[in-house]
Amino acid sequence: MASARLHRRDLLAAGLALSLAPGVARAAPGRMVGFLSDFDEIDDAVAICRAVILSLAPEARLLDISHRVPPYDIVAGARLLAGSAPWLAADAVIVGVVDPGVGSIRRAIVARTRRGQSLVLPDNGLLTLLDAADPVVAAREIRNEAWMIGARRSSTFHGRDIFAPVAGRLARGDDWTGVGPAIDPRSLVRLDLAPPTIGPEGVRAQAIGTDGPYGNLILDLSAEAFAGLGWRFGDVVPLTVAGRPEPAPYVRTFSDVPEGAVLLYPDSRGRMSLALNMGDYAAARGVGAGAEVLIPRRRN
């Protein structure tokens, strides 16, 4: 118990030392900080990172994007980051910690987008989908140890020791050039995500994840691209999912089909998805991210 109290005291002292460092700027209060991770909330990791951020920027508006990214799943994290960033303030700081390479030679970075958001994350491809919509225009490697937690830095908890303190400093208005040397945005790691194959016969798409706890299967196919296949609301589309036929009515929402029935619909983020009304499609069909979905063109 005494060691736990000492550990908390050390964290608070480190945060206080960072917050009192000379020559720091003070920004207008209330800058938005979005926080995404695969930590879950089963232990104290999320709370510790929040505490570090708020010790440096107590007036920040700290928003949890999600902490239920499947462990180590950079693709899922990239999807959630890209889906949420447009709804955050244009000057928001976004911390993304899905970091299976923690402690390795992978870089820790801050990236600035054209819109003006600051991304604090590992250079492992997590920004890939966001970069496609809001390109990264400048980036720096986090190298300045004065921006980190201090000498007690861990090799396995960079969320606490590197990303959270950097986010806190940015949220309070510190000059981001102090974080470390500039790097070419073109050198940043991007995930190799093959686009859906669209041909004269139709589309070969892929599931890229599921929707929260509901088990809806999200495809890497935009509603706009699907519209080019000629299907109309109310049509039954003869899909093939993971090699099995899956005829599904193309509808606007879940209640357009009976309870327990399958549906194909455009989701709230503009991607095509498969679901069971009031059910879990992924569990019922035994499919998930990576499942191949074939969608033919409509024949008149």
Protein backbone atom coordinates (compact mmCIF):
# COMPACT_ATOMS: atom_id res chain seq x y z
CA MET A 1 0.00 0.00 0.00
CA ALA A 2 2.86 2.36 0.82
CA SER A 3 4.48 1.70 -2.56
CA ALA A 4 1.20 2.50 -4.32
CA ARG A 5 1.02 5.84 -2.48
CA LEU A 6 4.62 6.59 -3.46
CA HIS A 7 3.90 5.72 -7.09
CA ARG A 8 0.92 8.09 -7.19
CA ARG A 9 3.00 10.79 -5.50
CA ASP A 10 5.77 10.35 -8.08
CA LEU A 11 3.27 10.71 -10.94
CA LEU A 12 1.78 13.85 -9.44
CA ALA A 13 5.22 15.30 -8.81
CA ALA A 14 6.27 14.59 -12.40
CA GLY A 15 3.13 16.26 -13.73
CA LEU A 16 3.66 19.27 -11.47
CA ALA A 17 7.29 19.61 -12.55
CA LEU A 18 6.26 19.56 -16.19
CA SER A 19 3.48 22.09 -15.61
CA LEU A 20 5.82 24.50 -13.81
CA ALA A 21 8.62 24.30 -16.36
CA PRO A 22 9.90 27.77 -17.30
CA GLY A 23 9.09 29.44 -20.58
CA VAL A 24 5.87 27.60 -21.38
CA ALA A 25 2.97 29.25 -23.14
CA ARG A 26 -0.57 29.42 -21.80
CA ALA A 27 -3.39 28.89 -24.28
CA ALA A 28 -7.01 29.82 -24.05
CA PRO A 29 -8.78 27.34 -21.76
CA GLY A 30 -10.81 24.42 -22.90
CA ARG A 31 -8.88 22.95 -25.82
CA MET A 32 -10.38 19.62 -26.87
CA VAL A 33 -8.27 16.49 -26.38
CA GLY A 34 -9.52 13.23 -27.90
CA PHE A 35 -8.15 9.97 -26.47
CA LEU A 36 -8.21 6.63 -28.29
CA SER A 37 -6.57 3.40 -27.10
CA ASP A 38 -6.77 -0.37 -26.88
CA PHE A 39 -6.31 -0.24 -23.09
CA ASP A 40 -9.91 -1.12 -22.19
CA GLU A 41 -10.91 0.16 -18.73
CA ILE A 42 -10.37 -3.01 -16.74
CA ASP A 43 -7.44 -1.41 -14.91
CA ASP A 44 -6.01 2.05 -14.24
CA ALA A 45 -4.14 2.72 -17.51
CA VAL A 46 -6.76 5.05 -19.01
CA ALA A 47 -7.22 6.99 -15.76
CA ILE A 48 -3.45 7.43 -15.36
CA CYS A 49 -3.11 8.86 -18.87
CA ARG A 50 -6.05 11.20 -18.27
CA ALA A 51 -4.42 12.35 -15.01
CA VAL A 52 -1.13 13.14 -16.75
CA ILE A 53 -2.90 15.15 -19.47
CA LEU A 54 -5.01 17.09 -16.97
CA SER A 55 -2.06 17.77 -14.68
CA LEU A 56 -0.56 19.75 -17.56
CA ALA A 57 -3.76 21.17 -19.05
CA PRO A 58 -6.38 21.19 -16.26
CA GLU A 59 -8.88 23.13 -18.35
CA ALA A 60 -8.69 20.83 -21.36
CA ARG A 61 -11.92 19.23 -22.54
CA LEU A 62 -10.87 15.59 -22.43
CA LEU A 63 -12.99 13.35 -24.63
CA ASP A 64 -12.68 9.55 -24.70
CA ILE A 65 -13.09 8.38 -28.30
CA SER A 66 -12.83 4.69 -27.38
CA HIS A 67 -10.68 2.41 -25.25
CA ARG A 68 -12.20 -0.77 -26.66
CA VAL A 69 -10.11 -1.02 -29.81
CA PRO A 70 -9.29 -4.75 -30.10
CA PRO A 71 -5.81 -5.27 -28.63
CA TYR A 72 -2.99 -4.52 -31.10
CA ASP A 73 -5.48 -3.90 -33.95
CA ILE A 74 -4.02 -0.89 -35.74
CA VAL A 75 -6.53 -1.15 -38.60
CA ALA A 76 -9.48 -0.95 -36.19
CA GLY A 77 -7.84 1.97 -34.42
CA ALA A 78 -7.26 3.74 -37.74
CA ARG A 79 -10.95 3.32 -38.63
CA LEU A 80 -12.16 4.78 -35.33
CA LEU A 81 -9.66 7.62 -35.49
CA ALA A 82 -10.76 8.58 -39.01
CA GLY A 83 -14.43 8.27 -38.09
CA SER A 84 -14.23 10.48 -35.00
CA ALA A 85 -11.73 13.18 -35.99
CA PRO A 86 -14.12 15.15 -38.24
CA TRP A 87 -16.42 15.65 -35.24
CA LEU A 88 -13.66 17.04 -33.02
CA ALA A 89 -12.64 20.69 -33.02
CA ALA A 90 -10.38 21.87 -35.83
CA ASP A 91 -7.59 22.62 -33.31
CA ALA A 92 -8.12 19.47 -31.25
CA VAL A 93 -5.26 17.37 -29.92
CA ILE A 94 -5.88 13.66 -30.56
CA VAL A 95 -3.94 10.99 -28.67
CA GLY A 96 -3.96 7.54 -30.28
CA VAL A 97 -2.35 4.66 -28.40
CA VAL A 98 -2.68 1.37 -30.25
CA ASP A 99 0.94 0.45 -30.04
CA PRO A 100 2.01 -3.19 -30.39
CA GLY A 101 5.56 -1.95 -31.11
CA VAL A 102 5.89 -0.01 -27.83
CA GLY A 103 9.51 0.23 -26.71
CA SER A 104 10.88 -0.79 -30.12
CA ILE A 105 12.52 1.37 -32.78
CA ARG A 106 9.16 2.66 -34.05
CA ARG A 107 8.93 6.45 -33.81
CA ALA A 108 6.66 8.44 -31.52
CA ILE A 109 5.34 11.44 -33.43
CA VAL A 110 3.16 14.51 -33.53
CA ALA A 111 1.46 15.08 -36.90
CA ARG A 112 -0.45 18.18 -37.96
CA THR A 113 -3.30 17.83 -40.46
CA ARG A 114 -4.43 20.33 -43.05
CA ARG A 115 -7.50 21.09 -40.93
CA GLY A 116 -5.27 21.92 -37.95
CA GLN A 117 -5.62 18.93 -35.64
CA SER A 118 -2.56 17.58 -33.81
CA LEU A 119 -2.17 13.80 -33.67
CA VAL A 120 0.03 12.35 -30.93
CA LEU A 121 0.66 8.69 -31.66
CA PRO A 122 3.10 5.96 -32.65
CA ASP A 123 4.29 5.98 -36.24
CA ASN A 124 2.76 2.61 -37.08
CA GLY A 125 0.01 3.42 -39.60
CA LEU A 126 -2.64 4.49 -37.11
CA LEU A 127 -3.14 7.75 -39.01
CA THR A 128 -3.58 6.08 -42.43
CA LEU A 129 -7.33 6.51 -42.94
CA LEU A 130 -7.47 9.96 -41.36
CA ASP A 131 -4.59 11.09 -43.58
CA ALA A 132 -6.61 10.05 -46.64
CA ALA A 133 -9.41 12.45 -45.66
CA ASP A 134 -7.44 15.23 -43.92
CA PRO A 135 -3.83 15.02 -45.10
CA VAL A 136 -0.91 15.37 -42.73
CA VAL A 137 0.99 18.53 -43.73
CA ALA A 138 3.74 18.55 -41.08
CA ALA A 139 5.19 16.12 -38.54
CA ARG A 140 7.79 15.95 -35.79
CA GLU A 141 9.39 13.06 -33.96
CA ILE A 142 8.99 13.17 -30.19
CA ARG A 143 12.59 13.32 -29.02
CA ASN A 144 12.74 16.07 -26.38
CA GLU A 145 12.88 14.30 -23.01
CA ALA A 146 11.71 17.48 -21.27
CA TRP A 147 8.32 16.85 -22.89
CA MET A 148 8.14 13.33 -21.45
CA ILE A 149 7.37 12.05 -17.96
CA GLY A 150 11.01 12.08 -16.80
CA ALA A 151 13.68 9.65 -15.69
CA ARG A 152 11.12 7.05 -14.57
CA ARG A 153 10.00 6.50 -18.17
CA SER A 154 8.89 2.94 -18.83
CA SER A 155 9.63 0.87 -21.93
CA THR A 156 6.08 -0.51 -21.99
CA PHE A 157 3.76 2.38 -21.05
CA HIS A 158 4.45 5.14 -23.54
CA GLY A 159 0.81 6.17 -23.31
CA ARG A 160 1.55 7.52 -19.82
CA ASP A 161 5.19 8.49 -20.23
CA ILE A 162 5.35 10.01 -23.74
CA PHE A 163 2.00 10.47 -25.50
CA ALA A 164 -0.04 11.82 -22.56
CA PRO A 165 2.51 14.47 -21.43
CA VAL A 166 3.03 15.61 -25.02
CA ALA A 167 -0.74 15.90 -25.48
CA GLY A 168 -1.02 17.88 -22.25
CA ARG A 169 1.66 20.33 -23.34
CA LEU A 170 0.03 20.82 -26.74
CA ALA A 171 -3.38 21.29 -25.13
CA ARG A 172 -2.08 24.09 -22.92
CA GLY A 173 -0.48 25.83 -25.89
CA ASP A 174 3.22 24.95 -25.84
CA ASP A 175 5.03 25.49 -29.16
CA TRP A 176 4.92 22.12 -30.89
CA THR A 177 8.31 22.66 -32.53
CA GLY A 178 9.84 21.99 -29.12
CA VAL A 179 8.78 18.35 -29.20
CA GLY A 180 11.58 17.27 -31.50
CA PRO A 181 12.95 17.42 -35.05
CA ALA A 182 10.78 17.88 -38.11
CA ILE A 183 10.24 14.79 -40.27
CA ASP A 184 8.89 14.46 -43.79
CA PRO A 185 5.16 13.57 -43.65
CA ARG A 186 5.75 11.33 -46.66
CA SER A 187 8.04 9.15 -44.51
CA LEU A 188 5.29 8.28 -42.02
CA VAL A 189 4.11 4.68 -41.94
CA ARG A 190 0.87 3.99 -43.80
CA LEU A 191 -1.06 0.75 -43.66
CA ASP A 192 -1.19 -1.19 -46.91
CA LEU A 193 -4.96 -1.30 -47.23
CA ALA A 194 -6.01 -2.56 -50.64
CA PRO A 195 -9.15 -0.81 -51.94
CA PRO A 196 -12.13 -2.93 -52.93
CA THR A 197 -11.84 -4.41 -56.40
CA ILE A 198 -14.52 -3.02 -58.69
CA GLY A 199 -14.97 -4.67 -62.08
CA PRO A 200 -17.60 -5.25 -64.73
CA GLU A 201 -19.19 -8.06 -62.74
CA GLY A 202 -19.33 -6.25 -59.40
CA VAL A 203 -17.27 -5.59 -56.29
CA ARG A 204 -14.90 -7.74 -54.24
CA ALA A 205 -14.95 -6.01 -50.85
CA GLN A 206 -13.60 -6.87 -47.41
CA ALA A 207 -14.91 -6.54 -43.88
CA ILE A 208 -12.76 -4.08 -41.92
CA GLY A 209 -14.37 -4.49 -38.51
CA THR A 210 -17.59 -4.68 -36.56
CA ASP A 211 -19.78 -1.92 -35.18
CA GLY A 212 -19.37 -1.68 -31.42
CA PRO A 213 -21.10 -4.45 -29.47
CA TYR A 214 -23.73 -5.09 -32.14
CA GLY A 215 -21.75 -7.29 -34.51
CA ASN A 216 -22.65 -5.35 -37.66
CA LEU A 217 -20.06 -6.13 -40.32
CA ILE A 218 -18.48 -2.96 -41.76
CA LEU A 219 -17.16 -3.14 -45.33
CA ASP A 220 -14.34 -1.20 -46.96
CA LEU A 221 -16.90 -0.04 -49.53
CA SER A 222 -18.39 3.45 -49.52
CA ALA A 223 -22.09 3.99 -50.08
CA GLU A 224 -21.17 6.07 -53.14
CA ALA A 225 -19.17 3.23 -54.70
CA PHE A 226 -21.97 0.76 -53.94
CA ALA A 227 -24.48 3.08 -55.64
CA GLY A 228 -22.52 2.62 -58.85
CA LEU A 229 -23.59 -1.02 -58.94
CA GLY A 230 -27.17 0.02 -59.69
CA TRP A 231 -29.00 -1.48 -56.70
CA ARG A 232 -32.09 0.34 -55.35
CA PHE A 233 -33.57 0.42 -51.86
CA GLY A 234 -35.82 -2.60 -51.49
CA ASP A 235 -33.81 -4.84 -53.83
CA VAL A 236 -32.53 -8.14 -52.49
CA VAL A 237 -28.79 -8.20 -53.25
CA PRO A 238 -27.34 -11.70 -53.88
CA LEU A 239 -24.20 -11.30 -51.77
CA THR A 240 -21.55 -13.90 -51.09
CA VAL A 241 -19.96 -13.56 -47.63
CA ALA A 242 -16.86 -15.62 -46.80
CA GLY A 243 -17.75 -18.01 -49.63
CA ARG A 244 -21.39 -18.51 -48.56
CA PRO A 245 -24.48 -17.09 -50.32
CA GLU A 246 -26.13 -14.34 -48.28
CA PRO A 247 -29.08 -12.70 -50.08
CA ALA A 248 -29.74 -9.44 -48.23
CA PRO A 249 -32.32 -6.71 -48.77
CA TYR A 250 -30.76 -3.30 -49.37
CA VAL A 251 -32.53 -0.96 -46.93
CA ARG A 252 -32.09 2.31 -45.06
CA THR A 253 -32.33 1.08 -41.49
CA PHE A 254 -32.72 -1.98 -39.26
CA SER A 255 -36.47 -1.84 -38.76
CA ASP A 256 -37.02 -2.10 -42.52
CA VAL A 257 -36.65 -5.88 -42.10
CA PRO A 258 -38.21 -8.28 -39.55
CA GLU A 259 -36.42 -8.97 -36.28
CA GLY A 260 -33.62 -11.46 -36.82
CA ALA A 261 -33.45 -10.85 -40.58
CA VAL A 262 -30.30 -9.86 -42.44
CA LEU A 263 -29.93 -6.44 -44.06
CA LEU A 264 -27.44 -4.51 -46.18
CA TYR A 265 -27.41 -0.79 -45.38
CA PRO A 266 -25.29 2.40 -45.54
CA ASP A 267 -24.02 3.07 -42.04
CA SER A 268 -23.75 6.44 -40.29
CA ARG A 269 -20.15 6.92 -41.50
CA GLY A 270 -20.93 6.29 -45.15
CA ARG A 271 -19.76 2.67 -45.42
CA MET A 272 -21.83 -0.32 -46.48
CA SER A 273 -22.56 -2.76 -43.67
CA LEU A 274 -24.28 -6.07 -43.02
CA ALA A 275 -26.40 -6.65 -39.93
CA LEU A 276 -29.08 -8.76 -38.31
CA ASN A 277 -31.97 -6.69 -37.00
CA MET A 278 -31.79 -7.02 -33.19
CA GLY A 279 -29.00 -9.58 -33.53
CA ASP A 280 -25.23 -10.00 -33.88
CA TYR A 281 -24.36 -10.68 -37.51
CA ALA A 282 -20.65 -11.40 -36.96
CA ALA A 283 -21.32 -13.92 -34.19
CA ALA A 284 -24.24 -15.57 -35.98
CA ARG A 285 -22.25 -16.07 -39.19
CA GLY A 286 -18.84 -16.65 -37.60
CA VAL A 287 -17.19 -13.86 -39.59
CA GLY A 288 -15.23 -10.73 -38.77
CA ALA A 289 -12.56 -8.40 -40.09
CA GLY A 290 -10.96 -9.80 -43.23
CA ALA A 291 -14.05 -11.65 -44.48
CA GLU A 292 -14.47 -11.32 -48.24
CA VAL A 293 -17.79 -10.03 -49.56
CA LEU A 294 -18.76 -10.32 -53.25
CA ILE A 295 -21.44 -7.94 -54.51
CA PRO A 296 -22.61 -8.32 -58.15
CA ARG A 297 -23.87 -5.53 -60.34
CA ARG A 298 -27.60 -5.21 -60.75
CA ARG A 299 -28.87 -6.65 -63.99
CA ASN A 300 -31.88 -4.88 -65.48
